[in-house]
Amino acid sequence: MRRIRVKRINSPQRRSGRRASRYGHGFTLIEMVLVIILVGIIFSMGGVMLGKVFSSYSAKQEIAEADWQAKVALERAARELRAVRTATAADLDVASTAQVRFIDTDGNGTISKTEAQVNAGLAQVFDQADTNKDGELSADEYKAYVAAQQAGAGAGAAQGR
């Protein structure tokens, strides 16, 4: 009887000429699980940091929007206060769109000579507008002064024609 020899090609012993290592050429289950856990930890930390970036950007956008709306509201309020200003509004001084001041600081309903110094135009005509010479300018006194000035300006314009 003849024996047939079969040559094993796939055997690691025969291919490399040495014995196969204990682990072979792949990864063990424990190594794969550890890699998956580490990758999960790294991605979760990255996700948290990315979430913080997006939330801070969103907060910045909300603050900018609120700031813009406040600025628009302040400008509109100043414009409306200028529009409603009449001859009786002697205590209102609109310095700019960002600053609105009331001259009657003590709140007694009249403007003293020291309070009038805040508004240069009112300080110049204070003595003329204070008809009873009590050192306080009431709304009625200022209204009468403005009406007299407007009537004088209208008469001067009519004579100039």
C-alpha atoms as a PDB file:
ATOM      1  CA  MET A   1       0.000   0.000   0.000  1.00  0.00           C
ATOM      2  CA  ARG A   2       1.152   3.315  -0.918  1.00  0.00           C
ATOM      3  CA  ARG A   3       0.852   6.347   1.168  1.00  0.00           C
ATOM      4  CA  ILE A   4      -0.155   9.618  -0.402  1.00  0.00           C
ATOM      5  CA  ARG A   5       1.397  12.660   1.071  1.00  0.00           C
ATOM      6  CA  VAL A   6      -0.761  15.781   1.216  1.00  0.00           C
ATOM      7  CA  LYS A   7       1.042  19.020   1.444  1.00  0.00           C
ATOM      8  CA  ARG A   8      -0.669  21.606   3.653  1.00  0.00           C
ATOM      9  CA  ILE A   9      -0.362  25.028   2.076  1.00  0.00           C
ATOM     10  CA  ASN A  10      -2.437  27.000   4.546  1.00  0.00           C
ATOM     11  CA  SER A  11      -0.544  25.911   7.602  1.00  0.00           C
ATOM     12  CA  PRO A  12       1.161  28.873   9.355  1.00  0.00           C
ATOM     13  CA  GLN A  13       3.994  26.561  10.349  1.00  0.00           C
ATOM     14  CA  ARG A  14       4.816  25.698   6.819  1.00  0.00           C
ATOM     15  CA  ARG A  15       4.406  29.203   5.374  1.00  0.00           C
ATOM     16  CA  SER A  16       6.623  31.138   7.767  1.00  0.00           C
ATOM     17  CA  GLY A  17       8.885  28.379   8.771  1.00  0.00           C
ATOM     18  CA  ARG A  18       8.177  28.932  12.462  1.00  0.00           C
ATOM     19  CA  ARG A  19       5.435  28.140  14.859  1.00  0.00           C
ATOM     20  CA  ALA A  20       2.251  30.235  14.867  1.00  0.00           C
ATOM     21  CA  SER A  21       2.004  32.707  17.688  1.00  0.00           C
ATOM     22  CA  ARG A  22      -0.538  32.247  20.396  1.00  0.00           C
ATOM     23  CA  TYR A  23      -2.736  35.104  19.129  1.00  0.00           C
ATOM     24  CA  GLY A  24      -2.464  34.438  15.447  1.00  0.00           C
ATOM     25  CA  HIS A  25      -2.881  37.327  13.052  1.00  0.00           C
ATOM     26  CA  GLY A  26      -6.105  38.958  14.359  1.00  0.00           C
ATOM     27  CA  PHE A  27      -7.422  40.767  17.433  1.00  0.00           C
ATOM     28  CA  THR A  28      -9.060  39.162  20.400  1.00  0.00           C
ATOM     29  CA  LEU A  29     -12.566  39.979  21.532  1.00  0.00           C
ATOM     30  CA  ILE A  30     -11.259  41.862  24.586  1.00  0.00           C
ATOM     31  CA  GLU A  31      -9.054  44.084  22.417  1.00  0.00           C
ATOM     32  CA  MET A  32     -11.946  44.882  20.109  1.00  0.00           C
ATOM     33  CA  VAL A  33     -14.243  45.725  23.054  1.00  0.00           C
ATOM     34  CA  LEU A  34     -11.585  47.999  24.588  1.00  0.00           C
ATOM     35  CA  VAL A  35     -11.117  49.826  21.285  1.00  0.00           C
ATOM     36  CA  ILE A  36     -14.862  50.316  20.926  1.00  0.00           C
ATOM     37  CA  ILE A  37     -15.115  51.665  24.480  1.00  0.00           C
ATOM     38  CA  LEU A  38     -12.190  54.084  23.979  1.00  0.00           C
ATOM     39  CA  VAL A  39     -13.575  55.337  20.663  1.00  0.00           C
ATOM     40  CA  GLY A  40     -16.964  55.819  22.321  1.00  0.00           C
ATOM     41  CA  ILE A  41     -15.417  57.871  25.143  1.00  0.00           C
ATOM     42  CA  ILE A  42     -13.482  60.044  22.696  1.00  0.00           C
ATOM     43  CA  PHE A  43     -16.559  60.669  20.528  1.00  0.00           C
ATOM     44  CA  SER A  44     -18.745  61.454  23.547  1.00  0.00           C
ATOM     45  CA  MET A  45     -16.225  64.045  24.791  1.00  0.00           C
ATOM     46  CA  GLY A  46     -16.075  65.548  21.305  1.00  0.00           C
ATOM     47  CA  GLY A  47     -19.859  65.627  21.162  1.00  0.00           C
ATOM     48  CA  VAL A  48     -20.068  67.443  24.496  1.00  0.00           C
ATOM     49  CA  MET A  49     -17.530  70.032  23.372  1.00  0.00           C
ATOM     50  CA  LEU A  50     -19.296  70.491  20.047  1.00  0.00           C
ATOM     51  CA  GLY A  51     -22.599  70.901  21.884  1.00  0.00           C
ATOM     52  CA  LYS A  52     -21.094  73.638  24.058  1.00  0.00           C
ATOM     53  CA  VAL A  53     -19.806  75.441  20.972  1.00  0.00           C
ATOM     54  CA  PHE A  54     -23.256  75.404  19.377  1.00  0.00           C
ATOM     55  CA  SER A  55     -24.990  76.516  22.585  1.00  0.00           C
ATOM     56  CA  SER A  56     -22.570  79.420  23.096  1.00  0.00           C
ATOM     57  CA  TYR A  57     -23.083  80.481  19.470  1.00  0.00           C
ATOM     58  CA  SER A  58     -26.843  80.341  19.970  1.00  0.00           C
ATOM     59  CA  ALA A  59     -26.584  82.393  23.184  1.00  0.00           C
ATOM     60  CA  LYS A  60     -24.432  84.986  21.390  1.00  0.00           C
ATOM     61  CA  GLN A  61     -27.001  85.253  18.609  1.00  0.00           C
ATOM     62  CA  GLU A  62     -29.828  85.731  21.129  1.00  0.00           C
ATOM     63  CA  ILE A  63     -27.882  88.450  22.973  1.00  0.00           C
ATOM     64  CA  ALA A  64     -27.111  90.250  19.716  1.00  0.00           C
ATOM     65  CA  GLU A  65     -30.793  90.075  18.703  1.00  0.00           C
ATOM     66  CA  ALA A  66     -31.932  91.420  22.086  1.00  0.00           C
ATOM     67  CA  ASP A  67     -29.351  94.215  21.909  1.00  0.00           C
ATOM     68  CA  TRP A  68     -30.503  95.171  18.422  1.00  0.00           C
ATOM     69  CA  GLN A  69     -34.170  95.179  19.480  1.00  0.00           C
ATOM     70  CA  ALA A  70     -33.351  97.342  22.523  1.00  0.00           C
ATOM     71  CA  LYS A  71     -31.475  99.843  20.362  1.00  0.00           C
ATOM     72  CA  VAL A  72     -34.367 100.027  17.878  1.00  0.00           C
ATOM     73  CA  ALA A  73     -36.862 100.470  20.711  1.00  0.00           C
ATOM     74  CA  LEU A  74     -34.797 103.273  22.277  1.00  0.00           C
ATOM     75  CA  GLU A  75     -34.453 105.086  18.964  1.00  0.00           C
ATOM     76  CA  ARG A  76     -38.191 104.729  18.308  1.00  0.00           C
ATOM     77  CA  ALA A  77     -39.054 106.021  21.777  1.00  0.00           C
ATOM     78  CA  ALA A  78     -36.765 109.036  21.296  1.00  0.00           C
ATOM     79  CA  ARG A  79     -38.298 109.720  17.865  1.00  0.00           C
ATOM     80  CA  GLU A  80     -41.836 109.489  19.273  1.00  0.00           C
ATOM     81  CA  LEU A  81     -40.937 111.796  22.161  1.00  0.00           C
ATOM     82  CA  ARG A  82     -39.626 114.337  19.666  1.00  0.00           C
ATOM     83  CA  ALA A  83     -42.794 113.994  17.597  1.00  0.00           C
ATOM     84  CA  VAL A  84     -45.149 114.627  20.532  1.00  0.00           C
ATOM     85  CA  ARG A  85     -43.140 117.555  21.833  1.00  0.00           C
ATOM     86  CA  THR A  86     -45.381 120.577  21.971  1.00  0.00           C
ATOM     87  CA  ALA A  87     -45.090 124.076  23.333  1.00  0.00           C
ATOM     88  CA  THR A  88     -46.118 122.799  26.773  1.00  0.00           C
ATOM     89  CA  ALA A  89     -43.326 120.236  26.890  1.00  0.00           C
ATOM     90  CA  ALA A  90     -40.774 122.653  28.310  1.00  0.00           C
ATOM     91  CA  ASP A  91     -39.352 120.068  30.657  1.00  0.00           C
ATOM     92  CA  LEU A  92     -38.337 117.606  27.925  1.00  0.00           C
ATOM     93  CA  ASP A  93     -34.821 117.754  26.486  1.00  0.00           C
ATOM     94  CA  VAL A  94     -33.951 115.164  23.859  1.00  0.00           C
ATOM     95  CA  ALA A  95     -30.165 115.357  23.585  1.00  0.00           C
ATOM     96  CA  SER A  96     -29.635 112.418  21.220  1.00  0.00           C
ATOM     97  CA  THR A  97     -31.186 109.133  20.228  1.00  0.00           C
ATOM     98  CA  ALA A  98     -29.396 107.446  23.112  1.00  0.00           C
ATOM     99  CA  GLN A  99     -30.146 109.984  25.826  1.00  0.00           C
ATOM    100  CA  VAL A 100     -33.478 111.434  26.906  1.00  0.00           C
ATOM    101  CA  ARG A 101     -33.477 113.714  29.933  1.00  0.00           C
ATOM    102  CA  PHE A 102     -36.175 115.559  31.817  1.00  0.00           C
ATOM    103  CA  ILE A 103     -35.172 118.982  33.060  1.00  0.00           C
ATOM    104  CA  ASP A 104     -37.575 119.162  36.019  1.00  0.00           C
ATOM    105  CA  THR A 105     -35.324 117.176  38.341  1.00  0.00           C
ATOM    106  CA  ASP A 106     -37.091 117.958  41.617  1.00  0.00           C
ATOM    107  CA  GLY A 107     -40.507 116.985  40.201  1.00  0.00           C
ATOM    108  CA  ASN A 108     -42.390 120.053  41.453  1.00  0.00           C
ATOM    109  CA  GLY A 109     -43.994 120.771  38.046  1.00  0.00           C
ATOM    110  CA  THR A 110     -41.974 123.928  37.379  1.00  0.00           C
ATOM    111  CA  ILE A 111     -38.473 124.551  36.095  1.00  0.00           C
ATOM    112  CA  SER A 112     -36.078 126.605  38.177  1.00  0.00           C
ATOM    113  CA  LYS A 113     -33.308 128.726  36.695  1.00  0.00           C
ATOM    114  CA  THR A 114     -30.687 126.165  37.729  1.00  0.00           C
ATOM    115  CA  GLU A 115     -32.702 123.327  36.166  1.00  0.00           C
ATOM    116  CA  ALA A 116     -33.013 125.354  32.937  1.00  0.00           C
ATOM    117  CA  GLN A 117     -29.206 125.492  32.600  1.00  0.00           C
ATOM    118  CA  VAL A 118     -29.311 121.907  31.293  1.00  0.00           C
ATOM    119  CA  ASN A 119     -30.971 123.148  28.080  1.00  0.00           C
ATOM    120  CA  ALA A 120     -28.976 126.019  26.532  1.00  0.00           C
ATOM    121  CA  GLY A 121     -31.933 127.347  24.507  1.00  0.00           C
ATOM    122  CA  LEU A 122     -34.231 127.435  27.537  1.00  0.00           C
ATOM    123  CA  ALA A 123     -31.548 129.048  29.720  1.00  0.00           C
ATOM    124  CA  GLN A 124     -31.219 131.929  27.232  1.00  0.00           C
ATOM    125  CA  VAL A 125     -34.925 132.762  27.228  1.00  0.00           C
ATOM    126  CA  PHE A 126     -35.700 131.849  30.859  1.00  0.00           C
ATOM    127  CA  ASP A 127     -35.961 135.450  32.098  1.00  0.00           C
ATOM    128  CA  GLN A 128     -38.194 136.465  29.168  1.00  0.00           C
ATOM    129  CA  ALA A 129     -40.481 133.427  29.603  1.00  0.00           C
ATOM    130  CA  ASP A 130     -40.771 133.857  33.419  1.00  0.00           C
ATOM    131  CA  THR A 131     -43.504 136.495  33.285  1.00  0.00           C
ATOM    132  CA  ASN A 132     -44.250 136.615  37.027  1.00  0.00           C
ATOM    133  CA  LYS A 133     -40.491 136.795  37.868  1.00  0.00           C
ATOM    134  CA  ASP A 134     -40.692 134.201  40.649  1.00  0.00           C
ATOM    135  CA  GLY A 135     -37.624 132.271  39.420  1.00  0.00           C
ATOM    136  CA  GLU A 136     -39.779 129.297  38.411  1.00  0.00           C
ATOM    137  CA  LEU A 137     -41.056 128.630  34.899  1.00  0.00           C
ATOM    138  CA  SER A 138     -44.441 126.909  34.778  1.00  0.00           C
ATOM    139  CA  ALA A 139     -45.879 125.114  31.772  1.00  0.00           C
ATOM    140  CA  ASP A 140     -48.424 127.914  31.274  1.00  0.00           C
ATOM    141  CA  GLU A 141     -45.692 130.575  31.282  1.00  0.00           C
ATOM    142  CA  TYR A 142     -43.653 128.653  28.752  1.00  0.00           C
ATOM    143  CA  LYS A 143     -46.720 127.995  26.590  1.00  0.00           C
ATOM    144  CA  ALA A 144     -47.555 131.707  26.559  1.00  0.00           C
ATOM    145  CA  TYR A 145     -43.941 132.594  25.704  1.00  0.00           C
ATOM    146  CA  VAL A 146     -43.830 130.118  22.785  1.00  0.00           C
ATOM    147  CA  ALA A 147     -47.205 131.339  21.488  1.00  0.00           C
ATOM    148  CA  ALA A 148     -45.963 134.957  21.617  1.00  0.00           C
ATOM    149  CA  GLN A 149     -42.761 133.979  19.788  1.00  0.00           C
ATOM    150  CA  GLN A 150     -44.695 132.100  17.112  1.00  0.00           C
ATOM    151  CA  ALA A 151     -47.090 134.996  16.655  1.00  0.00           C
ATOM    152  CA  GLY A 152     -44.122 137.412  16.401  1.00  0.00           C
ATOM    153  CA  ALA A 153     -42.378 135.155  13.894  1.00  0.00           C
ATOM    154  CA  GLY A 154     -45.565 134.896  11.840  1.00  0.00           C
ATOM    155  CA  ALA A 155     -46.046 138.672  11.825  1.00  0.00           C
ATOM    156  CA  GLY A 156     -42.378 139.200  10.874  1.00  0.00           C
ATOM    157  CA  ALA A 157     -42.676 136.757   8.005  1.00  0.00           C
ATOM    158  CA  ALA A 158     -45.839 138.480   6.765  1.00  0.00           C
ATOM    159  CA  GLN A 159     -44.138 141.911   6.826  1.00  0.00           C
ATOM    160  CA  GLY A 160     -41.119 140.561   4.909  1.00  0.00           C
ATOM    161  CA  ARG A 161     -43.320 139.625   1.916  1.00  0.00           C
END
